[in-house]
Amino acid sequence: MQIDWLHFSPWSALSGGALIGLAAGLCALLLGRVAGVSGILAGLIPPRPGDVAWRAAFIAGLLAAPAAFAMVHPLARPEFGSGPATLAVAGLLVGFGARLGSGCTSGHGVCGLSRLSLRSAVATATFMATAIVTVFLVRHVFQ
């Protein structure tokens, strides 16, 4: 995946971060829940009675938002340097890691850190360190 630096705008990144923070804050204030996407999705499989509607609405919003935005502004098409099989394996590993770490980057990085959770600080540092090592190995060692 490559970043289109010619068309990159810090305003879009700032707006996206503000919207994520707003969604996490509203989820905590209105529902008393942490807006960790992996945990929300895991709560749907299997569905728990009385706990499905907000989870399904949250996931539907995640899927609908890019489609709605694309209706008013064209989205950049992401380019991946790997095939579908590699992306599927990578996605499964991310899901496994999120379950193993009791949360994903959004849960620990956005919600946990804002609550000053030590566990989330350790998890986020682990995510970042692993990402740095992985990118280094893939781009400089295994090329």
Foldseek 3Di string as FASTA:
>chain_A
DDDPVVPDDVVVVVVVVVVLLVVQVCCCVVVVDGPFLLVLVVCVVVPDPPNVVVSVVSVVCVVVVVVVVCVVPNDDDDDDPDDPVVVVVVVVVQSVVQVVLVGHCSRLVNVVVVVVHPSSVVVNVVVVVVVVVVCCCVVPPVD
